[in-house]
Amino acid sequence: MSAPPPDQDLIVFDGACVFCSGFARFMVRCDRKQRFRFVVAQSDTGRALYGRYGLDPDLMETNIVVVNGRAHLRMRAFAAAMGAIGWPWAVFQPLGWLPAGLTDRLYDVIARNRYRFGRRACTSPSPELRARLLE
């Protein structure tokens, strides 16, 4: 499958990371308007999206969150996702306004250590997430 159009609101996440998959499951539960679709980073579509945004698809160093046609990375991705799903989660949107130098360092520390939270041996998504996966 080719990469979805850049105006599709979506979240690209590392499907092998417990932390990242947990974020995707959280978003499925809290995105009441079902605004987001999801792409596993390890899929062909996920790899194509990493390439589209100038990222190395083998490193999977950040989730990609696309909101209103604009791609967000690192902490700005989290902040954009929270803002898009509305109250009460929108209270985290201001994290995207903080200096990138500070927030990206924090995000990078978490990303580098994400597998310490665990890896998913079985990458089967929940039925709710599966229904919203593009691939």
Protein backbone atom coordinates (compact mmCIF):
# COMPACT_ATOMS: atom_id res chain seq x y z
CA MET A 1 0.00 0.00 0.00
CA SER A 2 1.28 3.47 -0.75
CA ALA A 3 1.51 6.10 1.95
CA PRO A 4 -1.82 7.80 2.76
CA PRO A 5 -2.36 11.38 1.70
CA PRO A 6 -0.65 13.89 3.99
CA ASP A 7 -3.98 15.43 4.99
CA GLN A 8 -5.24 12.19 6.63
CA ASP A 9 -5.06 12.56 10.43
CA LEU A 10 -3.00 9.61 11.54
CA ILE A 11 -0.55 8.22 14.02
CA VAL A 12 2.44 6.11 13.00
CA PHE A 13 3.70 4.08 15.95
CA ASP A 14 6.24 1.36 16.75
CA GLY A 15 4.10 -1.78 16.98
CA ALA A 16 6.79 -3.74 18.86
CA CYS A 17 7.12 -1.19 21.67
CA VAL A 18 4.80 -1.67 24.65
CA PHE A 19 4.98 2.05 25.43
CA CYS A 20 4.18 3.12 21.83
CA SER A 21 1.44 0.52 21.37
CA GLY A 22 -0.03 1.64 24.68
CA PHE A 23 -0.17 5.20 23.34
CA ALA A 24 -2.02 3.94 20.23
CA ARG A 25 -4.51 2.00 22.39
CA PHE A 26 -5.00 5.08 24.58
CA MET A 27 -5.70 7.20 21.51
CA VAL A 28 -8.26 4.70 20.20
CA ARG A 29 -10.11 4.87 23.54
CA CYS A 30 -9.95 8.65 23.91
CA ASP A 31 -10.43 9.75 20.30
CA ARG A 32 -14.21 9.73 20.58
CA LYS A 33 -14.72 11.34 17.18
CA GLN A 34 -12.49 8.67 15.59
CA ARG A 35 -10.45 11.38 13.95
CA PHE A 36 -7.23 9.35 13.77
CA ARG A 37 -6.29 6.35 11.71
CA PHE A 38 -3.22 4.33 12.69
CA VAL A 39 -0.20 2.87 10.92
CA VAL A 40 2.31 0.43 12.40
CA ALA A 41 5.80 1.79 11.74
CA GLN A 42 7.10 -1.63 10.69
CA SER A 43 4.56 -1.89 7.84
CA ASP A 44 5.30 -0.83 4.26
CA THR A 45 3.05 2.20 4.73
CA GLY A 46 4.78 3.11 8.00
CA ARG A 47 8.21 2.84 6.40
CA ALA A 48 7.03 4.99 3.47
CA LEU A 49 5.77 7.64 5.87
CA TYR A 50 9.07 7.68 7.74
CA GLY A 51 10.78 8.28 4.40
CA ARG A 52 8.28 10.98 3.42
CA TYR A 53 9.16 12.94 6.56
CA GLY A 54 12.93 12.45 6.28
CA LEU A 55 13.24 9.85 9.04
CA ASP A 56 15.15 6.58 9.03
CA PRO A 57 12.52 3.80 9.01
CA ASP A 58 14.95 1.38 10.65
CA LEU A 59 15.40 3.57 13.74
CA MET A 60 11.75 4.35 14.50
CA GLU A 61 12.97 7.11 16.78
CA THR A 62 9.64 8.92 17.02
CA ASN A 63 5.93 8.51 16.49
CA ILE A 64 4.59 10.58 13.63
CA VAL A 65 1.31 12.36 14.25
CA VAL A 66 -0.35 14.08 11.30
CA VAL A 67 -3.04 16.61 12.18
CA ASN A 68 -4.72 18.76 9.53
CA GLY A 69 -2.09 17.82 6.96
CA ARG A 70 0.87 18.77 9.17
CA ALA A 71 3.31 16.17 10.49
CA HIS A 72 4.50 16.45 14.08
CA LEU A 73 7.43 14.60 15.62
CA ARG A 74 8.66 13.86 19.13
CA MET A 75 6.98 15.81 21.93
CA ARG A 76 5.17 18.01 19.42
CA ALA A 77 3.54 14.82 18.08
CA PHE A 78 2.22 13.97 21.54
CA ALA A 79 1.01 17.55 22.08
CA ALA A 80 -0.72 17.68 18.68
CA ALA A 81 -2.47 14.37 19.32
CA MET A 82 -3.69 15.51 22.73
CA GLY A 83 -4.94 18.80 21.32
CA ALA A 84 -6.77 17.03 18.50
CA ILE A 85 -8.81 14.74 20.74
CA GLY A 86 -10.06 17.61 22.90
CA TRP A 87 -10.95 17.99 26.54
CA PRO A 88 -9.57 16.93 29.00
CA TRP A 89 -6.51 15.76 27.05
CA ALA A 90 -6.04 19.13 25.32
CA VAL A 91 -4.47 20.41 28.55
CA PHE A 92 -1.27 18.73 27.27
CA GLN A 93 -1.26 20.66 23.99
CA PRO A 94 0.91 23.49 25.43
CA LEU A 95 3.80 20.99 25.65
CA GLY A 96 4.13 21.61 21.92
CA TRP A 97 4.78 25.28 22.56
CA LEU A 98 7.83 24.68 24.77
CA PRO A 99 11.29 25.02 23.20
CA ALA A 100 12.01 22.01 21.00
CA GLY A 101 15.56 21.75 22.34
CA LEU A 102 14.23 20.97 25.80
CA THR A 103 11.25 18.78 24.91
CA ASP A 104 13.06 16.85 22.15
CA ARG A 105 15.86 15.89 24.55
CA LEU A 106 13.31 14.53 27.02
CA TYR A 107 11.45 12.69 24.26
CA ASP A 108 14.71 11.25 22.88
CA VAL A 109 15.68 9.85 26.30
CA ILE A 110 12.31 8.09 26.52
CA ALA A 111 12.51 6.89 22.89
CA ARG A 112 16.03 5.47 23.32
CA ASN A 113 14.90 3.52 26.37
CA ARG A 114 11.41 2.56 25.21
CA TYR A 115 12.19 -1.15 24.91
CA ARG A 116 13.07 -1.20 28.62
CA PHE A 117 9.33 -0.83 29.15
CA GLY A 118 9.06 -4.08 27.19
CA ARG A 119 8.59 -5.42 23.71
CA ARG A 120 5.45 -6.98 22.46
CA ALA A 121 6.05 -10.59 21.50
CA CYS A 122 2.65 -10.67 19.86
CA THR A 123 1.94 -7.58 17.79
CA SER A 124 -1.76 -8.37 17.34
CA PRO A 125 -3.67 -5.13 17.92
CA SER A 126 -6.95 -4.90 19.79
CA PRO A 127 -10.11 -5.19 17.66
CA GLU A 128 -10.74 -1.44 18.15
CA LEU A 129 -7.26 -0.55 16.94
CA ARG A 130 -7.35 -3.11 14.13
CA ALA A 131 -10.55 -1.47 12.81
CA ARG A 132 -8.69 1.84 12.46
CA LEU A 133 -5.39 0.54 11.05
CA LEU A 134 -4.66 1.57 7.48
CA GLU A 135 -2.67 -1.58 6.84
